[in-house]
Amino acid sequence: MSSYTFKPRLWPTIITLPILVCLLLLGNWQVERLDWKLDLISKIEARATSEPVELPQGMADQDELEYLHVTVTGRYDNAAEVTMYSVGPNGEPGYDLYAPLKLTDGRSIIINRGWVPEQIKDQNVRPETLVDGEVTIIGLLRKPWEKLWYGPENDPAGNMWFYGDVNGMAMHMGINAYFPMFLYADKIDSDNGFPVAGRTEFNIVNNHLDYAMTWYGLSIVLIVIYLIAHIRKKEQ
């Protein structure tokens, strides 16, 4: 019967050990990130499904307010409405309507009222979508976002917006005292017309478990290769 011996060599061992430690640390870090992401998802789901609260007076960490369910009361400035390119419920091209709501406390907040198809982008052909008088809007707070490196620039003059520059929109709308987040209006069950509201998706990527398994898997592969390289058959 053949017998084997394990004889580690100096330089392969010196190279392998720090690589192994790094792989294990990366795996442990992804496990910690997984716990953090699961906690974040739980908090967001709780915020989004809770009873709506009043809009905060002060500005806290926007991450802590993201998807918070709030209620506001005020009047729309329909003349200041802007449109952002968006894909509709059935993949149809169209636009999300953003309009400032002047609140009863003097501030304004920019409301994403919902989506309309491309052919009724112009206000003049959809007067029925404009809301006059005091209204109460319930929806989810959303953070502004920056332009993707490959995306087009916003074109305020042409009323073509492609990313959520809340400060740029506020300047274009001529509002000064405003809440620096968007409010995405909830869908009203009785409203089946345009704009189509309540389309917020919780696209929270959570690949940390896959990443952790990858790093741990590479650690196992490294150990197996190291062992194979240093196990030798004993000479008889």
Protein backbone atom coordinates (compact mmCIF):
# COMPACT_ATOMS: atom_id res chain seq x y z
CA MET A 1 0.00 0.00 0.00
CA SER A 2 1.34 3.44 -0.98
CA SER A 3 1.94 6.00 1.73
CA TYR A 4 2.12 9.79 1.43
CA THR A 5 3.82 12.58 3.30
CA PHE A 6 3.07 16.28 3.62
CA LYS A 7 6.14 18.50 3.17
CA PRO A 8 5.29 22.21 2.90
CA ARG A 9 7.82 24.38 1.11
CA LEU A 10 8.80 27.81 2.36
CA TRP A 11 7.97 30.18 -0.49
CA PRO A 12 4.67 28.61 -1.57
CA THR A 13 3.60 28.74 2.09
CA ILE A 14 4.66 32.38 2.51
CA ILE A 15 2.65 33.31 -0.61
CA THR A 16 -0.40 31.16 0.16
CA LEU A 17 -1.04 32.18 3.77
CA PRO A 18 -1.66 35.92 3.23
CA ILE A 19 -3.82 35.18 0.19
CA LEU A 20 -5.87 32.73 2.27
CA VAL A 21 -6.26 35.27 5.08
CA CYS A 22 -7.42 37.93 2.59
CA LEU A 23 -9.98 35.58 1.04
CA LEU A 24 -11.39 34.66 4.46
CA LEU A 25 -11.54 38.31 5.53
CA LEU A 26 -13.39 39.20 2.34
CA GLY A 27 -15.85 36.39 2.99
CA ASN A 28 -16.40 37.55 6.57
CA TRP A 29 -16.90 41.15 5.36
CA GLN A 30 -19.60 40.02 2.93
CA VAL A 31 -21.36 38.15 5.72
CA GLU A 32 -21.37 41.36 7.77
CA ARG A 33 -22.70 43.25 4.74
CA LEU A 34 -25.40 40.61 4.33
CA ASP A 35 -26.60 41.18 7.90
CA TRP A 36 -26.56 44.95 7.30
CA LYS A 37 -28.50 44.65 4.01
CA LEU A 38 -31.15 42.35 5.51
CA ASP A 39 -31.64 44.82 8.35
CA LEU A 40 -31.89 47.70 5.84
CA ILE A 41 -34.49 45.84 3.75
CA SER A 42 -36.51 45.12 6.88
CA LYS A 43 -36.45 48.79 7.89
CA ILE A 44 -37.43 49.97 4.41
CA GLU A 45 -40.34 47.54 4.22
CA ALA A 46 -41.50 48.74 7.63
CA ARG A 47 -41.30 52.40 6.57
CA ALA A 48 -43.08 51.85 3.28
CA THR A 49 -45.97 49.85 4.73
CA SER A 50 -46.50 51.86 7.92
CA GLU A 51 -49.24 54.42 8.44
CA PRO A 52 -48.24 57.73 6.78
CA VAL A 53 -46.68 60.36 9.04
CA GLU A 54 -46.26 64.11 8.71
CA LEU A 55 -43.35 65.35 6.60
CA PRO A 56 -40.34 65.90 8.91
CA GLN A 57 -39.64 69.52 9.77
CA GLY A 58 -35.87 69.12 9.87
CA MET A 59 -33.65 67.31 7.41
CA ALA A 60 -32.22 64.08 8.78
CA ASP A 61 -30.03 61.54 7.00
CA GLN A 62 -31.73 60.91 3.66
CA ASP A 63 -30.95 57.20 3.93
CA GLU A 64 -33.02 57.11 7.12
CA LEU A 65 -35.94 58.81 5.31
CA GLU A 66 -35.80 56.81 2.07
CA TYR A 67 -39.19 55.11 1.44
CA LEU A 68 -40.75 56.76 4.49
CA HIS A 69 -44.54 56.83 4.10
CA VAL A 70 -45.67 60.43 4.59
CA THR A 71 -48.70 62.64 4.04
CA VAL A 72 -48.63 66.28 2.91
CA THR A 73 -51.29 68.89 2.16
CA GLY A 74 -50.94 71.80 -0.23
CA ARG A 75 -51.61 73.14 -3.71
CA TYR A 76 -49.94 72.12 -6.97
CA ASP A 77 -48.23 74.68 -9.16
CA ASN A 78 -49.25 73.06 -12.42
CA ALA A 79 -47.45 75.69 -14.48
CA ALA A 80 -44.11 74.52 -13.02
CA GLU A 81 -44.62 70.84 -13.90
CA VAL A 82 -41.68 69.03 -15.53
CA THR A 83 -41.51 65.65 -17.24
CA MET A 84 -38.91 62.91 -16.86
CA TYR A 85 -38.50 60.15 -19.41
CA SER A 86 -39.73 56.84 -18.03
CA VAL A 87 -40.96 53.45 -19.18
CA GLY A 88 -44.58 52.72 -18.36
CA PRO A 89 -46.28 49.69 -16.80
CA ASN A 90 -46.32 47.74 -20.08
CA GLY A 91 -42.92 48.85 -21.34
CA GLU A 92 -44.43 51.79 -23.22
CA PRO A 93 -42.29 54.95 -23.46
CA GLY A 94 -43.61 57.94 -21.59
CA TYR A 95 -42.92 60.43 -18.84
CA ASP A 96 -43.22 60.78 -15.08
CA LEU A 97 -44.84 64.06 -14.05
CA TYR A 98 -43.03 66.09 -11.38
CA ALA A 99 -44.82 69.10 -9.92
CA PRO A 100 -44.12 71.26 -6.86
CA LEU A 101 -46.70 71.17 -4.09
CA LYS A 102 -46.82 74.35 -1.98
CA LEU A 103 -47.41 73.12 1.56
CA THR A 104 -49.49 74.84 4.19
CA ASP A 105 -46.35 75.54 6.25
CA GLY A 106 -44.77 77.54 3.40
CA ARG A 107 -42.37 74.91 2.16
CA SER A 108 -42.66 73.06 -1.13
CA ILE A 109 -41.98 69.47 -2.05
CA ILE A 110 -41.64 68.05 -5.55
CA ILE A 111 -44.21 65.31 -6.15
CA ASN A 112 -43.81 62.48 -8.64
CA ARG A 113 -47.48 62.36 -9.59
CA GLY A 114 -47.11 59.31 -11.83
CA TRP A 115 -46.61 58.26 -15.44
CA VAL A 116 -48.28 59.31 -18.69
CA PRO A 117 -47.69 57.92 -22.21
CA GLU A 118 -45.59 59.84 -24.67
CA GLN A 119 -48.53 61.12 -26.71
CA ILE A 120 -49.97 63.11 -23.82
CA LYS A 121 -46.73 64.58 -22.47
CA ASP A 122 -48.00 68.09 -23.21
CA GLN A 123 -50.30 69.48 -20.53
CA ASN A 124 -52.53 71.07 -23.15
CA VAL A 125 -53.80 67.68 -24.35
CA ARG A 126 -54.53 66.32 -20.85
CA PRO A 127 -56.30 69.06 -18.88
CA GLU A 128 -58.12 66.39 -16.89
CA THR A 129 -54.82 65.38 -15.22
CA LEU A 130 -54.25 68.81 -13.68
CA VAL A 131 -55.33 69.23 -10.07
CA ASP A 132 -56.51 72.57 -8.71
CA GLY A 133 -57.23 73.52 -5.13
CA GLU A 134 -55.91 72.08 -1.89
CA VAL A 135 -55.10 68.37 -1.94
CA THR A 136 -53.65 65.80 0.43
CA ILE A 137 -50.99 63.53 -1.07
CA ILE A 138 -49.77 60.31 0.51
CA GLY A 139 -46.63 58.70 -0.81
CA LEU A 140 -43.06 57.55 -0.31
CA LEU A 141 -40.03 59.80 0.13
CA ARG A 142 -37.28 59.12 -2.39
CA LYS A 143 -33.73 60.43 -2.58
CA PRO A 144 -32.48 62.41 -5.58
CA TRP A 145 -29.98 60.61 -7.79
CA GLU A 146 -27.14 61.56 -10.08
CA LYS A 147 -26.71 61.07 -13.80
CA LEU A 148 -25.37 57.74 -14.96
CA TRP A 149 -22.04 58.12 -16.72
CA TYR A 150 -23.57 56.98 -20.01
CA GLY A 151 -26.87 58.81 -19.58
CA PRO A 152 -27.98 62.07 -21.22
CA GLU A 153 -27.94 65.43 -19.48
CA ASN A 154 -31.15 67.01 -18.24
CA ASP A 155 -32.59 69.59 -20.64
CA PRO A 156 -34.74 71.98 -18.58
CA ALA A 157 -35.33 74.29 -21.55
CA GLY A 158 -36.82 71.42 -23.55
CA ASN A 159 -38.64 69.98 -20.52
CA MET A 160 -36.67 66.74 -20.86
CA TRP A 161 -35.34 65.31 -17.61
CA PHE A 162 -33.50 62.03 -17.30
CA TYR A 163 -32.29 61.87 -13.68
CA GLY A 164 -33.48 63.15 -10.34
CA ASP A 165 -31.65 66.42 -9.73
CA VAL A 166 -33.94 67.80 -7.04
CA ASN A 167 -31.93 71.02 -6.69
CA GLY A 168 -31.89 71.59 -10.43
CA MET A 169 -35.63 70.96 -10.65
CA ALA A 170 -36.34 73.33 -7.75
CA MET A 171 -34.26 76.06 -9.39
CA HIS A 172 -36.05 75.54 -12.71
CA MET A 173 -39.44 75.62 -10.95
CA GLY A 174 -38.54 78.82 -9.12
CA ILE A 175 -38.97 77.45 -5.60
CA ASN A 176 -36.59 78.25 -2.75
CA ALA A 177 -37.81 76.71 0.50
CA TYR A 178 -38.24 73.06 -0.46
CA PHE A 179 -37.79 69.61 1.03
CA PRO A 180 -34.68 68.11 -0.62
CA MET A 181 -36.28 64.77 -1.49
CA PHE A 182 -39.01 63.68 -3.89
CA LEU A 183 -42.39 62.35 -2.81
CA TYR A 184 -43.72 59.55 -5.02
CA ALA A 185 -47.51 59.61 -4.79
CA ASP A 186 -49.36 56.41 -3.88
CA LYS A 187 -51.89 55.01 -6.31
CA ILE A 188 -55.50 55.75 -5.41
CA ASP A 189 -57.57 52.58 -5.85
CA SER A 190 -60.49 54.47 -7.41
CA ASP A 191 -58.25 56.22 -9.96
CA ASN A 192 -57.63 54.18 -13.11
CA GLY A 193 -56.66 57.09 -15.38
CA PHE A 194 -53.53 59.13 -15.90
CA PRO A 195 -51.09 59.81 -14.39
CA VAL A 196 -50.39 56.26 -13.19
CA ALA A 197 -49.07 56.61 -9.64
CA GLY A 198 -47.79 54.09 -7.10
CA ARG A 199 -45.13 52.52 -9.33
CA THR A 200 -42.29 52.56 -6.79
CA GLU A 201 -40.21 49.39 -6.95
CA PHE A 202 -37.98 48.24 -4.11
CA ASN A 203 -34.93 47.44 -6.21
CA ILE A 204 -32.55 46.73 -3.35
CA VAL A 205 -29.77 44.52 -4.66
CA ASN A 206 -28.63 41.91 -2.17
CA ASN A 207 -25.83 39.74 -3.60
CA HIS A 208 -23.76 39.59 -0.44
CA LEU A 209 -24.43 35.89 0.22
CA ASP A 210 -23.28 35.03 -3.31
CA TYR A 211 -20.14 37.11 -2.83
CA ALA A 212 -19.42 35.49 0.54
CA MET A 213 -19.78 32.00 -0.93
CA THR A 214 -17.45 33.00 -3.77
CA TRP A 215 -14.68 34.18 -1.42
CA TYR A 216 -15.06 31.15 0.86
CA GLY A 217 -15.12 28.87 -2.18
CA LEU A 218 -11.88 30.37 -3.47
CA SER A 219 -10.38 29.80 -0.02
CA ILE A 220 -11.26 26.12 -0.19
CA VAL A 221 -9.84 25.84 -3.72
CA LEU A 222 -6.62 27.53 -2.60
CA ILE A 223 -6.24 25.11 0.32
CA VAL A 224 -6.87 22.08 -1.92
CA ILE A 225 -4.31 23.27 -4.47
CA TYR A 226 -1.78 23.92 -1.71
CA LEU A 227 -2.28 20.45 -0.25
CA ILE A 228 -2.05 18.73 -3.62
CA ALA A 229 1.16 20.62 -4.38
CA HIS A 230 2.81 19.52 -1.11
CA ILE A 231 1.67 15.95 -0.63
CA ARG A 232 4.20 13.50 -1.99
CA LYS A 233 4.33 9.73 -2.18
CA LYS A 234 6.90 8.27 0.16
CA GLU A 235 9.81 6.61 -1.47
CA GLN A 236 10.07 2.93 -0.64
